[in-house]
Amino acid sequence: MPADGRFIVITVPAAAGFAAVEDAVNSWTAEQGCPWEYGNVYDEDGQPLGWWITA
């Protein structure tokens, strides 16, 4: 948790596509001057987890 105790969580359907998510979040965070990162998308080595890929 951030030291100031403030954060936001956004949930978007994977069907929207990661490019759409990144565009929206990048736009908002640029206006706010704050960083962001994915949760539950990449492993500790930076590799995609792949849970959104269907067989």
N, C-alpha and C. Protein backbone atom coordinates (compact mmCIF):
# COMPACT_ATOMS: atom_id res chain seq x y z
N MET A 1 0.84 -1.17 0.00
CA MET A 1 0.00 0.00 0.00
C MET A 1 0.90 1.24 0.00
N PRO A 2 0.51 2.27 -0.74
CA PRO A 2 1.29 3.52 -0.73
C PRO A 2 1.37 4.10 0.69
N ALA A 3 2.45 4.81 0.98
CA ALA A 3 2.65 5.39 2.30
C ALA A 3 1.51 6.33 2.71
N ASP A 4 0.92 7.03 1.75
CA ASP A 4 -0.16 7.95 2.08
C ASP A 4 -1.52 7.26 2.18
N GLY A 5 -1.55 5.94 1.88
CA GLY A 5 -2.78 5.17 2.01
C GLY A 5 -3.81 5.41 0.93
N ARG A 6 -3.44 6.10 -0.15
CA ARG A 6 -4.40 6.38 -1.21
C ARG A 6 -4.04 5.61 -2.47
N PHE A 7 -5.01 4.97 -3.05
CA PHE A 7 -4.83 4.28 -4.33
C PHE A 7 -6.19 4.02 -4.94
N ILE A 8 -6.20 3.66 -6.21
CA ILE A 8 -7.44 3.36 -6.91
C ILE A 8 -7.28 2.03 -7.62
N VAL A 9 -8.33 1.26 -7.65
CA VAL A 9 -8.33 -0.02 -8.36
C VAL A 9 -9.38 0.09 -9.45
N ILE A 10 -9.00 -0.29 -10.67
CA ILE A 10 -9.91 -0.26 -11.81
C ILE A 10 -10.03 -1.67 -12.36
N THR A 11 -11.23 -2.13 -12.57
CA THR A 11 -11.46 -3.44 -13.15
C THR A 11 -12.12 -3.25 -14.51
N VAL A 12 -11.51 -3.82 -15.54
CA VAL A 12 -12.00 -3.70 -16.91
C VAL A 12 -12.03 -5.10 -17.50
N PRO A 13 -13.09 -5.45 -18.23
CA PRO A 13 -13.13 -6.78 -18.86
C PRO A 13 -11.95 -6.97 -19.82
N ALA A 14 -11.33 -8.14 -19.78
CA ALA A 14 -10.21 -8.43 -20.68
C ALA A 14 -10.63 -8.31 -22.13
N ALA A 15 -11.92 -8.51 -22.41
CA ALA A 15 -12.43 -8.41 -23.78
C ALA A 15 -12.25 -7.01 -24.36
N ALA A 16 -12.09 -6.00 -23.51
CA ALA A 16 -11.86 -4.64 -23.99
C ALA A 16 -10.49 -4.51 -24.65
N GLY A 17 -9.59 -5.40 -24.29
CA GLY A 17 -8.24 -5.39 -24.87
C GLY A 17 -7.30 -4.53 -24.05
N PHE A 18 -6.06 -4.96 -23.93
CA PHE A 18 -5.09 -4.26 -23.11
C PHE A 18 -4.73 -2.89 -23.68
N ALA A 19 -4.75 -2.73 -24.98
CA ALA A 19 -4.44 -1.43 -25.58
C ALA A 19 -5.47 -0.38 -25.13
N ALA A 20 -6.74 -0.75 -25.11
CA ALA A 20 -7.79 0.18 -24.68
C ALA A 20 -7.63 0.53 -23.21
N VAL A 21 -7.31 -0.46 -22.40
CA VAL A 21 -7.10 -0.22 -20.98
C VAL A 21 -5.92 0.73 -20.78
N GLU A 22 -4.82 0.43 -21.44
CA GLU A 22 -3.61 1.26 -21.30
C GLU A 22 -3.85 2.69 -21.76
N ASP A 23 -4.56 2.88 -22.86
CA ASP A 23 -4.86 4.23 -23.34
C ASP A 23 -5.67 5.02 -22.32
N ALA A 24 -6.70 4.39 -21.78
CA ALA A 24 -7.56 5.08 -20.81
C ALA A 24 -6.80 5.41 -19.53
N VAL A 25 -6.07 4.45 -19.01
CA VAL A 25 -5.36 4.68 -17.75
C VAL A 25 -4.19 5.64 -17.94
N ASN A 26 -3.48 5.53 -19.05
CA ASN A 26 -2.38 6.46 -19.32
C ASN A 26 -2.89 7.90 -19.40
N SER A 27 -4.04 8.09 -20.01
CA SER A 27 -4.62 9.43 -20.13
C SER A 27 -4.96 9.99 -18.75
N TRP A 28 -5.62 9.19 -17.93
CA TRP A 28 -6.04 9.65 -16.62
C TRP A 28 -4.82 9.92 -15.72
N THR A 29 -3.87 9.00 -15.69
CA THR A 29 -2.72 9.18 -14.81
C THR A 29 -1.84 10.34 -15.25
N ALA A 30 -1.77 10.62 -16.55
CA ALA A 30 -0.99 11.76 -17.02
C ALA A 30 -1.57 13.07 -16.48
N GLU A 31 -2.89 13.16 -16.44
CA GLU A 31 -3.54 14.35 -15.89
C GLU A 31 -3.32 14.47 -14.39
N GLN A 32 -3.23 13.35 -13.70
CA GLN A 32 -3.09 13.34 -12.25
C GLN A 32 -1.62 13.41 -11.80
N GLY A 33 -0.71 13.10 -12.73
CA GLY A 33 0.71 13.08 -12.38
C GLY A 33 1.07 11.93 -11.46
N CYS A 34 0.47 10.77 -11.69
CA CYS A 34 0.75 9.63 -10.83
C CYS A 34 1.09 8.39 -11.66
N PRO A 35 1.82 7.45 -11.08
CA PRO A 35 2.18 6.23 -11.80
C PRO A 35 1.06 5.19 -11.70
N TRP A 36 1.17 4.16 -12.52
CA TRP A 36 0.24 3.05 -12.44
C TRP A 36 0.95 1.78 -12.88
N GLU A 37 0.37 0.65 -12.54
CA GLU A 37 0.89 -0.63 -12.99
C GLU A 37 -0.23 -1.66 -13.00
N TYR A 38 -0.05 -2.69 -13.81
CA TYR A 38 -1.01 -3.79 -13.83
C TYR A 38 -0.84 -4.64 -12.59
N GLY A 39 -1.92 -5.25 -12.16
CA GLY A 39 -1.89 -6.28 -11.15
C GLY A 39 -2.44 -7.54 -11.77
N ASN A 40 -1.85 -8.69 -11.48
CA ASN A 40 -2.35 -9.99 -11.94
C ASN A 40 -2.25 -10.16 -13.46
N VAL A 41 -1.29 -9.50 -14.09
CA VAL A 41 -1.11 -9.63 -15.54
C VAL A 41 0.28 -10.21 -15.85
N TYR A 42 1.29 -9.79 -15.09
CA TYR A 42 2.66 -10.25 -15.33
C TYR A 42 3.20 -10.95 -14.09
N ASP A 43 4.08 -11.94 -14.32
CA ASP A 43 4.72 -12.61 -13.19
C ASP A 43 5.91 -11.78 -12.71
N GLU A 44 6.62 -12.28 -11.71
CA GLU A 44 7.73 -11.54 -11.11
C GLU A 44 8.88 -11.31 -12.08
N ASP A 45 8.91 -12.06 -13.19
CA ASP A 45 9.95 -11.88 -14.22
C ASP A 45 9.47 -10.99 -15.37
N GLY A 46 8.25 -10.45 -15.26
CA GLY A 46 7.72 -9.58 -16.30
C GLY A 46 7.08 -10.30 -17.47
N GLN A 47 6.85 -11.60 -17.33
CA GLN A 47 6.23 -12.38 -18.39
C GLN A 47 4.71 -12.41 -18.20
N PRO A 48 3.93 -12.32 -19.29
CA PRO A 48 2.48 -12.35 -19.17
C PRO A 48 2.01 -13.67 -18.53
N LEU A 49 1.03 -13.59 -17.65
CA LEU A 49 0.47 -14.78 -17.01
C LEU A 49 -0.42 -15.56 -17.97
N GLY A 50 -1.07 -14.87 -18.91
CA GLY A 50 -1.86 -15.54 -19.95
C GLY A 50 -3.23 -16.01 -19.53
N TRP A 51 -3.73 -15.59 -18.37
CA TRP A 51 -5.04 -16.06 -17.93
C TRP A 51 -6.17 -15.62 -18.84
N TRP A 52 -5.93 -14.63 -19.68
CA TRP A 52 -6.99 -14.09 -20.55
C TRP A 52 -7.07 -14.82 -21.90
N ILE A 53 -6.14 -15.71 -22.16
CA ILE A 53 -6.12 -16.44 -23.43
C ILE A 53 -7.02 -17.66 -23.31
N THR A 54 -7.95 -17.78 -24.25
CA THR A 54 -8.83 -18.94 -24.26
C THR A 54 -8.32 -19.97 -25.25
N ALA A 55 -8.59 -21.20 -24.99
CA ALA A 55 -8.11 -22.31 -25.83
C ALA A 55 -8.76 -22.36 -27.17
